[in-house]
Amino acid sequence: MISPEPTGRLLPTAKGTALVFHRTVLGSRAEVWAALTEPERTALWVGPWRGEAGPGHTVEVQMQSEEGAPWSPLLIEACEPPTRLAVSMSGGDTDDWPVELRLSAADEGRTRVELLHHLPADGRIGLGDIGPGWEFYLDRFVAAQQGAALPSFDAYYPAQKAHFDALTEEGAQG
C-alpha cells in the first residue's frame, strides 16, 4: 500500500504555534463552506453533527472513522461564512484542541482550505499521532468532494508518524 505524502508543517502564529495543512478543492468558497459545515455533507467525510450551531454554542460531531464512532463536543468559537471557522474540539483523555479552518479563493474555480491546529504553549502534544489524523480527514474531505473512494487510515498511520515526530523535535530545537 502506498502512503500519501505528509504535508503538515509548523507555523508561528499570533497565538503561538500551529500545525498547518492545506488542500485545494474544486468549487467556490460558498460550496466548500457548505461541505465543511452542513451536517448531511460532513457525514460524507467525517460524520454528521447535531445541535444548535453558532458562535459560543457547542454541537456534537460523530467521528465515524474513530473506534466506536463517538459523539464529540465541538465548541464553535468563531463562524464567518464562507471564510473562517474556529472551533475547540474536546473528548476523551485529550486537552481541548483549538482548530481553525480558513477558506480562500484559488485559481480556476477552486478553493484553498487551510487547517490550523493551534498547539498548547507548553508543547505537550503528540504530533506524531495527531498529524496523520488531520492528513487523513482532509484527504477524506477532498475525496468526498470529488466523489472518489475514501482513503483508509492505515495509509496514514503509522507511515506518517516519523514526519510529524520530526516536526516536534525541530520545534524543540528552534
C-alpha atoms as a PDB file:
ATOM      1  CA  MET A   1       0.000   0.000   0.000  1.00  0.00           C
ATOM      2  CA  ILE A   2       1.376   3.409  -0.987  1.00  0.00           C
ATOM      3  CA  SER A   3       1.099   6.029   1.743  1.00  0.00           C
ATOM      4  CA  PRO A   4       0.163   9.613   0.923  1.00  0.00           C
ATOM      5  CA  GLU A   5       2.924  12.129   1.485  1.00  0.00           C
ATOM      6  CA  PRO A   6       2.549  14.153   4.699  1.00  0.00           C
ATOM      7  CA  THR A   7       2.090  17.884   4.142  1.00  0.00           C
ATOM      8  CA  GLY A   8       1.687  19.274   7.672  1.00  0.00           C
ATOM      9  CA  ARG A   9       4.203  21.769   8.980  1.00  0.00           C
ATOM     10  CA  LEU A  10       4.649  24.016  11.993  1.00  0.00           C
ATOM     11  CA  LEU A  11       3.932  27.694  11.566  1.00  0.00           C
ATOM     12  CA  PRO A  12       4.354  30.570  14.037  1.00  0.00           C
ATOM     13  CA  THR A  13       1.055  32.411  14.603  1.00  0.00           C
ATOM     14  CA  ALA A  14      -0.161  35.322  16.702  1.00  0.00           C
ATOM     15  CA  LYS A  15      -1.328  32.701  19.239  1.00  0.00           C
ATOM     16  CA  GLY A  16       1.967  30.762  19.340  1.00  0.00           C
ATOM     17  CA  THR A  17       2.494  27.799  17.018  1.00  0.00           C
ATOM     18  CA  ALA A  18       0.112  25.834  14.829  1.00  0.00           C
ATOM     19  CA  LEU A  19       0.301  22.604  12.900  1.00  0.00           C
ATOM     20  CA  VAL A  20      -0.879  23.687   9.437  1.00  0.00           C
ATOM     21  CA  PHE A  21      -2.272  21.774   6.459  1.00  0.00           C
ATOM     22  CA  HIS A  22      -3.523  22.923   3.033  1.00  0.00           C
ATOM     23  CA  ARG A  23      -5.754  21.375   0.405  1.00  0.00           C
ATOM     24  CA  THR A  24      -7.176  22.851  -2.793  1.00  0.00           C
ATOM     25  CA  VAL A  25     -10.700  21.757  -3.702  1.00  0.00           C
ATOM     26  CA  LEU A  26     -12.836  22.275  -6.792  1.00  0.00           C
ATOM     27  CA  GLY A  27     -15.715  24.660  -6.008  1.00  0.00           C
ATOM     28  CA  SER A  28     -16.410  28.173  -4.797  1.00  0.00           C
ATOM     29  CA  ARG A  29     -15.817  29.177  -1.200  1.00  0.00           C
ATOM     30  CA  ALA A  30     -19.579  29.012  -0.604  1.00  0.00           C
ATOM     31  CA  GLU A  31     -19.737  25.444  -1.979  1.00  0.00           C
ATOM     32  CA  VAL A  32     -16.719  24.296   0.029  1.00  0.00           C
ATOM     33  CA  TRP A  33     -18.045  26.047   3.142  1.00  0.00           C
ATOM     34  CA  ALA A  34     -21.291  24.091   2.817  1.00  0.00           C
ATOM     35  CA  ALA A  35     -19.358  20.811   2.542  1.00  0.00           C
ATOM     36  CA  LEU A  36     -17.434  21.714   5.710  1.00  0.00           C
ATOM     37  CA  THR A  37     -20.428  22.843   7.765  1.00  0.00           C
ATOM     38  CA  GLU A  38     -23.715  21.211   6.711  1.00  0.00           C
ATOM     39  CA  PRO A  39     -24.417  18.014   8.707  1.00  0.00           C
ATOM     40  CA  GLU A  40     -25.565  15.966   5.730  1.00  0.00           C
ATOM     41  CA  ARG A  41     -22.367  16.962   3.879  1.00  0.00           C
ATOM     42  CA  THR A  42     -19.975  16.453   6.823  1.00  0.00           C
ATOM     43  CA  ALA A  43     -21.473  12.955   7.160  1.00  0.00           C
ATOM     44  CA  LEU A  44     -19.779  12.089   3.855  1.00  0.00           C
ATOM     45  CA  TRP A  45     -16.238  12.502   5.188  1.00  0.00           C
ATOM     46  CA  VAL A  46     -16.068  12.934   8.992  1.00  0.00           C
ATOM     47  CA  GLY A  47     -19.547  12.335  10.338  1.00  0.00           C
ATOM     48  CA  PRO A  48     -22.789  14.203  10.986  1.00  0.00           C
ATOM     49  CA  TRP A  49     -23.209  16.783  13.706  1.00  0.00           C
ATOM     50  CA  ARG A  50     -26.154  17.763  15.859  1.00  0.00           C
ATOM     51  CA  GLY A  51     -27.075  20.751  17.979  1.00  0.00           C
ATOM     52  CA  GLU A  52     -27.603  24.468  17.569  1.00  0.00           C
ATOM     53  CA  ALA A  53     -24.760  25.964  15.550  1.00  0.00           C
ATOM     54  CA  GLY A  54     -23.361  29.445  16.124  1.00  0.00           C
ATOM     55  CA  PRO A  55     -20.520  31.217  17.904  1.00  0.00           C
ATOM     56  CA  GLY A  56     -20.495  30.295  21.599  1.00  0.00           C
ATOM     57  CA  HIS A  57     -22.588  27.171  21.015  1.00  0.00           C
ATOM     58  CA  THR A  58     -21.465  23.567  21.384  1.00  0.00           C
ATOM     59  CA  VAL A  59     -22.513  20.945  18.859  1.00  0.00           C
ATOM     60  CA  GLU A  60     -21.648  17.259  18.794  1.00  0.00           C
ATOM     61  CA  VAL A  61     -19.859  15.634  15.866  1.00  0.00           C
ATOM     62  CA  GLN A  62     -19.973  11.900  15.316  1.00  0.00           C
ATOM     63  CA  MET A  63     -16.426  10.815  14.466  1.00  0.00           C
ATOM     64  CA  GLN A  64     -17.404   7.911  12.212  1.00  0.00           C
ATOM     65  CA  SER A  65     -13.816   6.851  11.463  1.00  0.00           C
ATOM     66  CA  GLU A  66     -12.884   6.577  15.138  1.00  0.00           C
ATOM     67  CA  GLU A  67     -13.328   3.391  17.144  1.00  0.00           C
ATOM     68  CA  GLY A  68     -16.921   3.206  18.339  1.00  0.00           C
ATOM     69  CA  ALA A  69     -17.925   6.272  16.228  1.00  0.00           C
ATOM     70  CA  PRO A  70     -18.169   8.519  19.326  1.00  0.00           C
ATOM     71  CA  TRP A  71     -20.053  11.794  19.502  1.00  0.00           C
ATOM     72  CA  SER A  72     -17.548  14.516  20.433  1.00  0.00           C
ATOM     73  CA  PRO A  73     -18.322  18.044  21.670  1.00  0.00           C
ATOM     74  CA  LEU A  74     -17.232  20.893  19.425  1.00  0.00           C
ATOM     75  CA  LEU A  75     -17.367  24.477  20.741  1.00  0.00           C
ATOM     76  CA  ILE A  76     -17.849  26.990  17.936  1.00  0.00           C
ATOM     77  CA  GLU A  77     -15.638  29.956  18.764  1.00  0.00           C
ATOM     78  CA  ALA A  78     -15.997  31.902  15.504  1.00  0.00           C
ATOM     79  CA  CYS A  79     -18.084  31.402  12.388  1.00  0.00           C
ATOM     80  CA  GLU A  80     -17.500  33.790   9.476  1.00  0.00           C
ATOM     81  CA  PRO A  81     -19.081  32.243   6.356  1.00  0.00           C
ATOM     82  CA  PRO A  82     -17.591  31.460   3.909  1.00  0.00           C
ATOM     83  CA  THR A  83     -14.052  32.221   5.038  1.00  0.00           C
ATOM     84  CA  ARG A  84     -13.326  31.171   8.635  1.00  0.00           C
ATOM     85  CA  LEU A  85     -14.487  28.674  11.239  1.00  0.00           C
ATOM     86  CA  ALA A  86     -12.736  28.389  14.617  1.00  0.00           C
ATOM     87  CA  VAL A  87     -13.675  25.569  16.997  1.00  0.00           C
ATOM     88  CA  SER A  88     -12.364  23.779  20.066  1.00  0.00           C
ATOM     89  CA  MET A  89     -12.643  20.040  19.936  1.00  0.00           C
ATOM     90  CA  SER A  90     -12.606  18.008  23.109  1.00  0.00           C
ATOM     91  CA  GLY A  91     -13.116  14.480  24.131  1.00  0.00           C
ATOM     92  CA  GLY A  92     -11.641  11.513  25.873  1.00  0.00           C
ATOM     93  CA  ASP A  93      -8.316  11.955  27.587  1.00  0.00           C
ATOM     94  CA  THR A  94      -7.131  14.897  25.471  1.00  0.00           C
ATOM     95  CA  ASP A  95      -7.000  18.598  26.211  1.00  0.00           C
ATOM     96  CA  ASP A  96      -9.128  20.892  24.083  1.00  0.00           C
ATOM     97  CA  TRP A  97      -7.894  21.164  20.518  1.00  0.00           C
ATOM     98  CA  PRO A  98      -8.303  24.680  19.093  1.00  0.00           C
ATOM     99  CA  VAL A  99      -8.712  24.245  15.339  1.00  0.00           C
ATOM    100  CA  GLU A 100      -9.274  26.863  12.675  1.00  0.00           C
ATOM    101  CA  LEU A 101     -10.385  26.434   9.069  1.00  0.00           C
ATOM    102  CA  ARG A 102      -9.689  29.249   6.618  1.00  0.00           C
ATOM    103  CA  LEU A 103     -11.022  29.314   3.070  1.00  0.00           C
ATOM    104  CA  SER A 104      -9.654  31.476   0.277  1.00  0.00           C
ATOM    105  CA  ALA A 105     -10.226  31.637  -3.456  1.00  0.00           C
ATOM    106  CA  ALA A 106      -7.730  29.759  -5.615  1.00  0.00           C
ATOM    107  CA  ASP A 107      -7.326  29.604  -9.395  1.00  0.00           C
ATOM    108  CA  GLU A 108      -9.908  28.254 -11.818  1.00  0.00           C
ATOM    109  CA  GLY A 109     -12.968  27.821  -9.588  1.00  0.00           C
ATOM    110  CA  ARG A 110     -11.088  26.229  -6.741  1.00  0.00           C
ATOM    111  CA  THR A 111     -10.916  26.991  -3.031  1.00  0.00           C
ATOM    112  CA  ARG A 112      -7.890  26.698  -0.793  1.00  0.00           C
ATOM    113  CA  VAL A 113      -8.650  25.136   2.585  1.00  0.00           C
ATOM    114  CA  GLU A 114      -6.158  25.800   5.378  1.00  0.00           C
ATOM    115  CA  LEU A 115      -6.478  23.887   8.652  1.00  0.00           C
ATOM    116  CA  LEU A 116      -4.583  25.202  11.675  1.00  0.00           C
ATOM    117  CA  HIS A 117      -4.360  23.092  14.818  1.00  0.00           C
ATOM    118  CA  HIS A 118      -3.184  25.601  17.433  1.00  0.00           C
ATOM    119  CA  LEU A 119      -0.707  23.967  19.796  1.00  0.00           C
ATOM    120  CA  PRO A 120      -0.519  24.437  23.562  1.00  0.00           C
ATOM    121  CA  ALA A 121       2.196  26.772  24.827  1.00  0.00           C
ATOM    122  CA  ASP A 122       3.751  24.022  26.961  1.00  0.00           C
ATOM    123  CA  GLY A 123       4.320  21.922  23.837  1.00  0.00           C
ATOM    124  CA  ARG A 124       2.690  18.811  25.341  1.00  0.00           C
ATOM    125  CA  ILE A 125       1.169  17.297  22.262  1.00  0.00           C
ATOM    126  CA  GLY A 126       1.866  14.155  20.269  1.00  0.00           C
ATOM    127  CA  LEU A 127       2.257  15.478  16.739  1.00  0.00           C
ATOM    128  CA  GLY A 128       3.278  12.008  15.545  1.00  0.00           C
ATOM    129  CA  ASP A 129      -0.170  10.752  16.498  1.00  0.00           C
ATOM    130  CA  ILE A 130      -2.202  13.861  15.616  1.00  0.00           C
ATOM    131  CA  GLY A 131      -0.696  14.906  12.280  1.00  0.00           C
ATOM    132  CA  PRO A 132      -1.546  11.729  10.357  1.00  0.00           C
ATOM    133  CA  GLY A 133      -5.151  12.045  11.550  1.00  0.00           C
ATOM    134  CA  TRP A 134      -5.545  15.541  10.100  1.00  0.00           C
ATOM    135  CA  GLU A 135      -3.961  14.417   6.817  1.00  0.00           C
ATOM    136  CA  PHE A 136      -6.445  11.512   6.750  1.00  0.00           C
ATOM    137  CA  TYR A 137      -9.517  13.654   7.429  1.00  0.00           C
ATOM    138  CA  LEU A 138      -8.522  16.350   4.941  1.00  0.00           C
ATOM    139  CA  ASP A 139      -7.930  13.747   2.245  1.00  0.00           C
ATOM    140  CA  ARG A 140     -11.327  12.195   3.075  1.00  0.00           C
ATOM    141  CA  PHE A 141     -12.844  15.657   2.634  1.00  0.00           C
ATOM    142  CA  VAL A 142     -11.198  16.092  -0.782  1.00  0.00           C
ATOM    143  CA  ALA A 143     -12.211  12.573  -1.864  1.00  0.00           C
ATOM    144  CA  ALA A 144     -15.824  13.186  -0.795  1.00  0.00           C
ATOM    145  CA  GLN A 145     -15.871  16.434  -2.784  1.00  0.00           C
ATOM    146  CA  GLN A 146     -14.601  14.604  -5.863  1.00  0.00           C
ATOM    147  CA  GLY A 147     -16.880  11.612  -5.442  1.00  0.00           C
ATOM    148  CA  ALA A 148     -13.793   9.398  -5.098  1.00  0.00           C
ATOM    149  CA  ALA A 149     -13.174   6.438  -2.809  1.00  0.00           C
ATOM    150  CA  LEU A 150     -12.380   7.485   0.754  1.00  0.00           C
ATOM    151  CA  PRO A 151      -8.872   6.669   1.976  1.00  0.00           C
ATOM    152  CA  SER A 152      -8.095   4.246   4.774  1.00  0.00           C
ATOM    153  CA  PHE A 153      -6.390   5.441   7.957  1.00  0.00           C
ATOM    154  CA  ASP A 154      -3.920   2.575   7.556  1.00  0.00           C
ATOM    155  CA  ALA A 155      -2.347   4.527   4.677  1.00  0.00           C
ATOM    156  CA  TYR A 156      -1.532   7.391   7.086  1.00  0.00           C
ATOM    157  CA  TYR A 157      -0.624   5.847  10.389  1.00  0.00           C
ATOM    158  CA  PRO A 158       1.990   4.770  11.336  1.00  0.00           C
ATOM    159  CA  ALA A 159       3.577   5.635   7.949  1.00  0.00           C
ATOM    160  CA  GLN A 160       3.468   9.414   8.596  1.00  0.00           C
ATOM    161  CA  LYS A 161       4.310   9.315  12.298  1.00  0.00           C
ATOM    162  CA  ALA A 162       8.057   9.910  11.783  1.00  0.00           C
ATOM    163  CA  HIS A 163       7.418  13.065   9.722  1.00  0.00           C
ATOM    164  CA  PHE A 164       5.338  14.634  12.484  1.00  0.00           C
ATOM    165  CA  ASP A 165       7.608  13.429  15.292  1.00  0.00           C
ATOM    166  CA  ALA A 166      10.468  15.179  13.468  1.00  0.00           C
ATOM    167  CA  LEU A 167       8.470  18.429  13.471  1.00  0.00           C
ATOM    168  CA  THR A 168       8.176  18.152  17.248  1.00  0.00           C
ATOM    169  CA  GLU A 169      11.937  17.707  17.539  1.00  0.00           C
ATOM    170  CA  GLU A 170      12.630  20.641  15.181  1.00  0.00           C
ATOM    171  CA  GLY A 171      10.257  22.855  17.198  1.00  0.00           C
ATOM    172  CA  ALA A 172      12.003  21.868  20.438  1.00  0.00           C
ATOM    173  CA  GLN A 173      15.376  22.839  18.969  1.00  0.00           C
ATOM    174  CA  GLY A 174      14.132  26.145  17.467  1.00  0.00           C
END
